[in-house]
Structures are given as structure tokens and as C-alpha cells.
Amino acid sequence: MVTTQFETACDAAEALVKKFANEIADESPVIQGAAIAILLAHHLAAVAPVHRADVRNTLVGLADELVPTILRAAIRDGDAPPEWDRQS
């Protein structure tokens, strides 16, 4: 199977996310959220001002699309209560 550049980037991103998640796992949800917001702000600061709103909206839209898949995995792994799947 030929690995596309996108698939390679996704694999690298997933590995980076796992490292970051492990780093902040023991922090409170407030600190975790603040760290994610600061990371997003750093990313957006590197985007041309005219494109920031579109990039931010694209990233939030992508996050919204990923939530169901990630939630199902968390429920399967016992990291989230099953009733959350019915509440999303």
C-alpha cells in the first residue's frame, strides 16, 4: 500500500498528540484546556491575519467531526462513561 503524504502527516500528528496528552494528563481540565488554547493561539499567530478566522473555523470544525470517533474509543477503553455517547 502506498502511504500518502497526508497519511504520513496524520500518523506523525497522532504520535505528537499522544505525547502531548501524556504530558498534560495529570493536570486539571482547566489547565488542559488552557494549554490547548495557547497551542491554538500559537498556531493562529503564524497564519496571515486575513486567513485566521477561516483557519480557526476549519480547525474547530475538524475537532467537532473527530469528537464522535474519539469518544467511542474512550468509551471502549473505559476512559469515558457509556452514557456520554447518547449525550453528544
N, C-alpha and C. Protein backbone atom coordinates (compact mmCIF):
# COMPACT_ATOMS: atom_id res chain seq x y z
N MET A 1 0.84 -1.19 0.00
CA MET A 1 0.00 0.00 0.00
C MET A 1 0.88 1.25 0.00
N VAL A 2 0.51 2.20 -0.78
CA VAL A 2 1.25 3.45 -0.87
C VAL A 2 0.72 4.40 0.20
N THR A 3 1.63 4.92 1.01
CA THR A 3 1.25 5.88 2.04
C THR A 3 1.30 7.27 1.46
N THR A 4 0.20 7.97 1.58
CA THR A 4 0.17 9.33 1.06
C THR A 4 0.83 10.28 2.04
N GLN A 5 1.18 11.44 1.54
CA GLN A 5 1.76 12.47 2.39
C GLN A 5 0.81 12.84 3.51
N PHE A 6 -0.50 12.86 3.21
CA PHE A 6 -1.49 13.18 4.22
C PHE A 6 -1.53 12.12 5.32
N GLU A 7 -1.49 10.85 4.93
CA GLU A 7 -1.50 9.77 5.92
C GLU A 7 -0.26 9.82 6.80
N THR A 8 0.87 10.12 6.19
CA THR A 8 2.11 10.25 6.95
C THR A 8 2.00 11.40 7.95
N ALA A 9 1.44 12.52 7.50
CA ALA A 9 1.26 13.67 8.38
C ALA A 9 0.30 13.33 9.52
N CYS A 10 -0.78 12.61 9.21
CA CYS A 10 -1.74 12.21 10.25
C CYS A 10 -1.09 11.30 11.28
N ASP A 11 -0.29 10.36 10.82
CA ASP A 11 0.41 9.46 11.75
C ASP A 11 1.36 10.24 12.66
N ALA A 12 2.10 11.17 12.08
CA ALA A 12 3.02 11.99 12.87
C ALA A 12 2.25 12.86 13.86
N ALA A 13 1.13 13.42 13.42
CA ALA A 13 0.30 14.24 14.30
C ALA A 13 -0.26 13.42 15.45
N GLU A 14 -0.71 12.21 15.15
CA GLU A 14 -1.26 11.35 16.19
C GLU A 14 -0.21 11.01 17.24
N ALA A 15 1.01 10.75 16.81
CA ALA A 15 2.10 10.46 17.76
C ALA A 15 2.39 11.68 18.63
N LEU A 16 2.38 12.85 18.01
CA LEU A 16 2.62 14.08 18.76
C LEU A 16 1.51 14.34 19.76
N VAL A 17 0.27 14.10 19.36
CA VAL A 17 -0.88 14.28 20.26
C VAL A 17 -0.77 13.36 21.46
N LYS A 18 -0.37 12.11 21.24
CA LYS A 18 -0.22 11.17 22.35
C LYS A 18 0.84 11.65 23.34
N LYS A 19 1.95 12.18 22.82
CA LYS A 19 2.98 12.71 23.71
C LYS A 19 2.45 13.89 24.51
N PHE A 20 1.76 14.81 23.83
CA PHE A 20 1.21 15.99 24.49
C PHE A 20 0.16 15.58 25.52
N ALA A 21 -0.71 14.64 25.15
CA ALA A 21 -1.75 14.17 26.08
C ALA A 21 -1.13 13.56 27.33
N ASN A 22 -0.06 12.81 27.16
CA ASN A 22 0.62 12.23 28.33
C ASN A 22 1.22 13.32 29.21
N GLU A 23 1.71 14.37 28.61
CA GLU A 23 2.32 15.48 29.36
C GLU A 23 1.29 16.21 30.23
N ILE A 24 0.07 16.34 29.73
CA ILE A 24 -0.94 17.13 30.46
C ILE A 24 -1.98 16.26 31.17
N ALA A 25 -1.83 14.94 31.09
CA ALA A 25 -2.85 14.03 31.62
C ALA A 25 -3.17 14.24 33.09
N ASP A 26 -2.18 14.58 33.89
CA ASP A 26 -2.41 14.73 35.33
C ASP A 26 -2.84 16.14 35.74
N GLU A 27 -2.99 17.01 34.77
CA GLU A 27 -3.42 18.38 35.06
C GLU A 27 -4.94 18.46 35.11
N SER A 28 -5.44 19.51 35.72
CA SER A 28 -6.89 19.70 35.78
C SER A 28 -7.43 20.01 34.38
N PRO A 29 -8.73 19.79 34.19
CA PRO A 29 -9.32 20.13 32.89
C PRO A 29 -9.13 21.61 32.52
N VAL A 30 -9.09 22.48 33.50
CA VAL A 30 -8.88 23.91 33.22
C VAL A 30 -7.49 24.14 32.64
N ILE A 31 -6.49 23.52 33.25
CA ILE A 31 -5.12 23.68 32.76
C ILE A 31 -4.97 23.00 31.40
N GLN A 32 -5.57 21.83 31.23
CA GLN A 32 -5.52 21.17 29.93
C GLN A 32 -6.13 22.06 28.84
N GLY A 33 -7.29 22.62 29.12
CA GLY A 33 -7.95 23.49 28.15
C GLY A 33 -7.12 24.72 27.85
N ALA A 34 -6.52 25.31 28.88
CA ALA A 34 -5.68 26.49 28.68
C ALA A 34 -4.47 26.14 27.81
N ALA A 35 -3.87 24.98 28.04
CA ALA A 35 -2.71 24.57 27.23
C ALA A 35 -3.11 24.40 25.77
N ILE A 36 -4.26 23.80 25.53
CA ILE A 36 -4.73 23.61 24.16
C ILE A 36 -5.03 24.96 23.51
N ALA A 37 -5.65 25.87 24.26
CA ALA A 37 -5.95 27.20 23.73
C ALA A 37 -4.68 27.96 23.38
N ILE A 38 -3.67 27.86 24.24
CA ILE A 38 -2.40 28.54 23.97
C ILE A 38 -1.73 27.94 22.74
N LEU A 39 -1.77 26.62 22.61
CA LEU A 39 -1.21 25.97 21.44
C LEU A 39 -1.92 26.44 20.17
N LEU A 40 -3.24 26.52 20.21
CA LEU A 40 -4.01 27.02 19.08
C LEU A 40 -3.64 28.47 18.77
N ALA A 41 -3.49 29.28 19.80
CA ALA A 41 -3.13 30.68 19.60
C ALA A 41 -1.76 30.80 18.92
N HIS A 42 -0.81 29.97 19.33
CA HIS A 42 0.50 29.97 18.67
C HIS A 42 0.36 29.62 17.21
N HIS A 43 -0.46 28.63 16.91
CA HIS A 43 -0.67 28.23 15.52
C HIS A 43 -1.31 29.37 14.72
N LEU A 44 -2.35 29.96 15.28
CA LEU A 44 -3.05 31.04 14.58
C LEU A 44 -2.18 32.28 14.39
N ALA A 45 -1.30 32.54 15.34
CA ALA A 45 -0.41 33.69 15.22
C ALA A 45 0.53 33.55 14.02
N ALA A 46 0.76 32.31 13.59
CA ALA A 46 1.65 32.07 12.45
C ALA A 46 0.90 32.09 11.12
N VAL A 47 -0.41 32.33 11.17
CA VAL A 47 -1.23 32.38 9.96
C VAL A 47 -1.46 33.85 9.60
N ALA A 48 -1.46 34.13 8.33
CA ALA A 48 -1.72 35.51 7.88
C ALA A 48 -3.05 35.99 8.45
N PRO A 49 -3.10 37.23 8.96
CA PRO A 49 -4.33 37.73 9.59
C PRO A 49 -5.59 37.55 8.75
N VAL A 50 -5.47 37.71 7.46
CA VAL A 50 -6.64 37.60 6.60
C VAL A 50 -7.21 36.18 6.59
N HIS A 51 -6.41 35.19 6.94
CA HIS A 51 -6.85 33.79 6.92
C HIS A 51 -7.15 33.21 8.29
N ARG A 52 -6.88 33.94 9.36
CA ARG A 52 -7.01 33.38 10.72
C ARG A 52 -8.40 32.87 11.03
N ALA A 53 -9.43 33.63 10.71
CA ALA A 53 -10.80 33.20 11.03
C ALA A 53 -11.14 31.91 10.30
N ASP A 54 -10.77 31.82 9.03
CA ASP A 54 -11.05 30.60 8.27
C ASP A 54 -10.29 29.40 8.82
N VAL A 55 -9.02 29.61 9.17
CA VAL A 55 -8.22 28.51 9.72
C VAL A 55 -8.79 28.07 11.07
N ARG A 56 -9.13 29.04 11.93
CA ARG A 56 -9.72 28.71 13.23
C ARG A 56 -11.02 27.93 13.04
N ASN A 57 -11.88 28.39 12.15
CA ASN A 57 -13.16 27.71 11.91
C ASN A 57 -12.94 26.31 11.35
N THR A 58 -11.97 26.15 10.48
CA THR A 58 -11.65 24.84 9.93
C THR A 58 -11.18 23.89 11.03
N LEU A 59 -10.30 24.38 11.91
CA LEU A 59 -9.78 23.54 12.98
C LEU A 59 -10.87 23.14 13.97
N VAL A 60 -11.74 24.08 14.33
CA VAL A 60 -12.83 23.76 15.25
C VAL A 60 -13.82 22.81 14.58
N GLY A 61 -14.08 23.01 13.29
CA GLY A 61 -14.96 22.10 12.56
C GLY A 61 -14.38 20.69 12.51
N LEU A 62 -13.08 20.59 12.28
CA LEU A 62 -12.43 19.29 12.27
C LEU A 62 -12.53 18.63 13.64
N ALA A 63 -12.30 19.41 14.69
CA ALA A 63 -12.42 18.86 16.06
C ALA A 63 -13.83 18.34 16.29
N ASP A 64 -14.84 19.10 15.87
CA ASP A 64 -16.23 18.66 16.03
C ASP A 64 -16.48 17.34 15.30
N GLU A 65 -15.89 17.19 14.12
CA GLU A 65 -16.07 15.96 13.35
C GLU A 65 -15.36 14.78 14.01
N LEU A 66 -14.25 15.03 14.69
CA LEU A 66 -13.47 13.97 15.31
C LEU A 66 -14.03 13.50 16.66
N VAL A 67 -14.81 14.34 17.32
CA VAL A 67 -15.32 14.02 18.66
C VAL A 67 -16.03 12.67 18.72
N PRO A 68 -16.96 12.37 17.83
CA PRO A 68 -17.66 11.07 17.96
C PRO A 68 -16.71 9.86 17.90
N THR A 69 -15.75 9.90 17.00
CA THR A 69 -14.81 8.79 16.87
C THR A 69 -13.94 8.66 18.12
N ILE A 70 -13.43 9.78 18.60
CA ILE A 70 -12.58 9.76 19.78
C ILE A 70 -13.38 9.36 21.01
N LEU A 71 -14.62 9.84 21.10
CA LEU A 71 -15.48 9.48 22.23
C LEU A 71 -15.77 7.99 22.26
N ARG A 72 -16.09 7.41 21.10
CA ARG A 72 -16.36 5.97 21.05
C ARG A 72 -15.13 5.18 21.51
N ALA A 73 -13.94 5.61 21.11
CA ALA A 73 -12.71 4.93 21.53
C ALA A 73 -12.52 5.08 23.04
N ALA A 74 -12.80 6.27 23.58
CA ALA A 74 -12.65 6.49 25.02
C ALA A 74 -13.63 5.63 25.81
N ILE A 75 -14.86 5.50 25.31
CA ILE A 75 -15.86 4.64 25.97
C ILE A 75 -15.40 3.19 25.90
N ARG A 76 -14.95 2.76 24.74
CA ARG A 76 -14.47 1.39 24.57
C ARG A 76 -13.32 1.07 25.53
N ASP A 77 -12.42 2.05 25.71
CA ASP A 77 -11.24 1.86 26.56
C ASP A 77 -11.52 2.10 28.04
N GLY A 78 -12.78 2.47 28.37
CA GLY A 78 -13.14 2.71 29.76
C GLY A 78 -12.72 4.07 30.29
N ASP A 79 -12.40 4.98 29.38
CA ASP A 79 -11.96 6.32 29.79
C ASP A 79 -13.09 7.34 29.81
N ALA A 80 -14.29 6.93 29.41
CA ALA A 80 -15.46 7.82 29.43
C ALA A 80 -16.68 6.95 29.70
N PRO A 81 -17.66 7.50 30.41
CA PRO A 81 -18.87 6.71 30.70
C PRO A 81 -19.70 6.49 29.42
N PRO A 82 -20.29 5.30 29.26
CA PRO A 82 -21.06 4.98 28.06
C PRO A 82 -22.19 5.97 27.76
N GLU A 83 -22.77 6.55 28.80
CA GLU A 83 -23.90 7.46 28.56
C GLU A 83 -23.49 8.73 27.82
N TRP A 84 -22.21 9.05 27.80
CA TRP A 84 -21.77 10.23 27.06
C TRP A 84 -22.04 10.09 25.57
N ASP A 85 -22.03 8.87 25.07
CA ASP A 85 -22.28 8.66 23.63
C ASP A 85 -23.70 9.06 23.27
N ARG A 86 -24.61 8.92 24.20
CA ARG A 86 -26.01 9.29 23.94
C ARG A 86 -26.25 10.77 24.17
N GLN A 87 -25.31 11.44 24.82
CA GLN A 87 -25.48 12.86 25.14
C GLN A 87 -24.81 13.79 24.13
N SER A 88 -24.02 13.22 23.23
CA SER A 88 -23.28 14.09 22.29
C SER A 88 -24.10 14.43 21.09
